[in-house]
C-alpha atoms as a PDB file:
ATOM      1  CA  MET A   1       8.213 -21.076   1.015  1.00  0.00           C
ATOM      2  CA  LYS A   2       6.276 -22.024  -1.614  1.00  0.00           C
ATOM      3  CA  ARG A   3       7.464 -22.812  -4.978  1.00  0.00           C
ATOM      4  CA  LYS A   4       5.860 -19.905  -6.836  1.00  0.00           C
ATOM      5  CA  HIS A   5       7.551 -17.501  -4.194  1.00  0.00           C
ATOM      6  CA  GLN A   6      10.873 -19.319  -4.855  1.00  0.00           C
ATOM      7  CA  ARG A   7      10.689 -18.867  -8.815  1.00  0.00           C
ATOM      8  CA  THR A   8       9.762 -15.282  -8.080  1.00  0.00           C
ATOM      9  CA  LEU A   9      12.714 -14.997  -6.019  1.00  0.00           C
ATOM     10  CA  GLU A  10      14.901 -16.642  -8.567  1.00  0.00           C
ATOM     11  CA  LEU A  11      13.764 -14.081 -11.399  1.00  0.00           C
ATOM     12  CA  ILE A  12      14.616 -11.054  -9.052  1.00  0.00           C
ATOM     13  CA  PHE A  13      18.263 -12.504  -8.600  1.00  0.00           C
ATOM     14  CA  ALA A  14      18.667 -13.546 -12.266  1.00  0.00           C
ATOM     15  CA  ARG A  15      21.570 -12.002 -14.131  1.00  0.00           C
ATOM     16  CA  PRO A  16      21.152 -10.038 -16.062  1.00  0.00           C
ATOM     17  CA  VAL A  17      18.230  -8.411 -14.617  1.00  0.00           C
ATOM     18  CA  SER A  18      14.966  -9.792 -15.989  1.00  0.00           C
ATOM     19  CA  ALA A  19      12.234  -7.716 -17.617  1.00  0.00           C
ATOM     20  CA  ASN A  20       9.474 -10.160 -16.886  1.00  0.00           C
ATOM     21  CA  VAL A  21       8.918 -10.031 -13.285  1.00  0.00           C
ATOM     22  CA  ARG A  22       5.107  -9.137 -12.608  1.00  0.00           C
ATOM     23  CA  TRP A  23       4.555  -6.632  -9.865  1.00  0.00           C
ATOM     24  CA  ALA A  24       1.780  -8.732  -8.581  1.00  0.00           C
ATOM     25  CA  GLU A  25       4.189 -11.571  -7.737  1.00  0.00           C
ATOM     26  CA  ILE A  26       6.503  -9.398  -6.122  1.00  0.00           C
ATOM     27  CA  GLU A  27       3.883  -7.990  -3.824  1.00  0.00           C
ATOM     28  CA  THR A  28       2.807 -11.990  -3.074  1.00  0.00           C
ATOM     29  CA  LEU A  29       6.476 -12.521  -2.285  1.00  0.00           C
ATOM     30  CA  PHE A  30       6.716  -9.516   0.186  1.00  0.00           C
ATOM     31  CA  ARG A  31       3.535 -10.830   2.026  1.00  0.00           C
ATOM     32  CA  GLU A  32       5.164 -14.160   2.274  1.00  0.00           C
ATOM     33  CA  LEU A  33       8.254 -12.436   3.952  1.00  0.00           C
ATOM     34  CA  GLY A  34       5.759 -10.932   6.045  1.00  0.00           C
ATOM     35  CA  ALA A  35       5.539  -7.367   4.695  1.00  0.00           C
ATOM     36  CA  GLU A  36       2.685  -5.169   5.285  1.00  0.00           C
ATOM     37  CA  ILE A  37       1.615  -3.450   2.211  1.00  0.00           C
ATOM     38  CA  ALA A  38      -0.350  -0.129   2.047  1.00  0.00           C
ATOM     39  CA  GLU A  39      -1.673   1.803  -0.941  1.00  0.00           C
ATOM     40  CA  ARG A  40      -0.138   5.431  -1.320  1.00  0.00           C
ATOM     41  CA  GLU A  41      -1.236   8.167  -3.741  1.00  0.00           C
ATOM     42  CA  GLY A  42      -1.186   7.639  -7.157  1.00  0.00           C
ATOM     43  CA  SER A  43       0.532   4.330  -8.196  1.00  0.00           C
ATOM     44  CA  ARG A  44       2.682   4.181  -5.029  1.00  0.00           C
ATOM     45  CA  VAL A  45       2.913   1.203  -2.897  1.00  0.00           C
ATOM     46  CA  GLU A  46       4.365   1.425   0.778  1.00  0.00           C
ATOM     47  CA  VAL A  47       5.899  -2.137   1.751  1.00  0.00           C
ATOM     48  CA  PHE A  48       6.858  -2.244   5.271  1.00  0.00           C
ATOM     49  CA  LEU A  49       9.362  -4.913   5.709  1.00  0.00           C
ATOM     50  CA  PHE A  50      12.660  -5.705   7.417  1.00  0.00           C
ATOM     51  CA  GLY A  51      11.741  -2.830   9.991  1.00  0.00           C
ATOM     52  CA  VAL A  52      12.061  -0.313   7.129  1.00  0.00           C
ATOM     53  CA  VAL A  53       9.226   1.450   4.741  1.00  0.00           C
ATOM     54  CA  ARG A  54      10.178   1.258   1.081  1.00  0.00           C
ATOM     55  CA  VAL A  55       7.874   3.098  -1.373  1.00  0.00           C
ATOM     56  CA  PHE A  56       7.497   1.667  -4.927  1.00  0.00           C
ATOM     57  CA  HIS A  57       5.799   2.541  -8.067  1.00  0.00           C
ATOM     58  CA  ARG A  58       3.186  -0.106  -9.139  1.00  0.00           C
ATOM     59  CA  PRO A  59       3.814  -0.522 -13.110  1.00  0.00           C
ATOM     60  CA  HIS A  60       1.139   0.555 -15.438  1.00  0.00           C
ATOM     61  CA  PRO A  61      -0.174  -0.344 -17.904  1.00  0.00           C
ATOM     62  CA  SER A  62       2.253  -3.189 -18.054  1.00  0.00           C
ATOM     63  CA  PRO A  63       2.197  -5.282 -15.470  1.00  0.00           C
ATOM     64  CA  ASP A  64       5.885  -6.054 -15.610  1.00  0.00           C
ATOM     65  CA  THR A  65       8.257  -4.310 -12.959  1.00  0.00           C
ATOM     66  CA  ASP A  66      11.163  -2.380 -14.776  1.00  0.00           C
ATOM     67  CA  LYS A  67      14.632  -3.654 -14.454  1.00  0.00           C
ATOM     68  CA  GLY A  68      15.927  -0.453 -12.238  1.00  0.00           C
ATOM     69  CA  ALA A  69      13.021  -1.633  -9.734  1.00  0.00           C
ATOM     70  CA  VAL A  70      13.951  -5.186  -9.837  1.00  0.00           C
ATOM     71  CA  GLY A  71      17.527  -4.278  -9.146  1.00  0.00           C
ATOM     72  CA  ALA A  72      16.509  -2.110  -6.041  1.00  0.00           C
ATOM     73  CA  ILE A  73      14.393  -4.931  -4.810  1.00  0.00           C
ATOM     74  CA  ARG A  74      16.990  -7.518  -5.322  1.00  0.00           C
ATOM     75  CA  LYS A  75      19.551  -5.449  -3.489  1.00  0.00           C
ATOM     76  CA  TRP A  76      17.179  -4.893  -0.272  1.00  0.00           C
ATOM     77  CA  LEU A  77      16.458  -8.309  -0.343  1.00  0.00           C
ATOM     78  CA  ASP A  78      20.011  -9.350  -0.445  1.00  0.00           C
ATOM     79  CA  GLU A  79      21.271  -6.835   2.363  1.00  0.00           C
ATOM     80  CA  ASN A  80      18.421  -8.610   4.605  1.00  0.00           C
ATOM     81  CA  GLY A  81      19.667 -11.999   4.032  1.00  0.00           C
ATOM     82  CA  VAL A  82      17.021 -13.206   1.546  1.00  0.00           C
ATOM     83  CA  LYS A  83      18.379 -15.129  -1.276  1.00  0.00           C
ATOM     84  CA  PRO A  84      16.917 -17.707  -3.646  1.00  0.00           C
END
């Protein structure tokens, strides 16, 4: 895994939950892990990873992901053995 993706993973797993994780970096990390990403209606993004489809809301107008979404992503990655 490239250092850039490792840094994003570290931000996702940081305690307390970081409010400075850019959504674009999370999408890039998902792709690095083998995800298929599709646009849905509105600001929704469908992520197919680990044999599961998850739908997230792309943040706007700010590029930063809210803490609740970061926590959900951390839990999903942790459940599937992805850790920094």
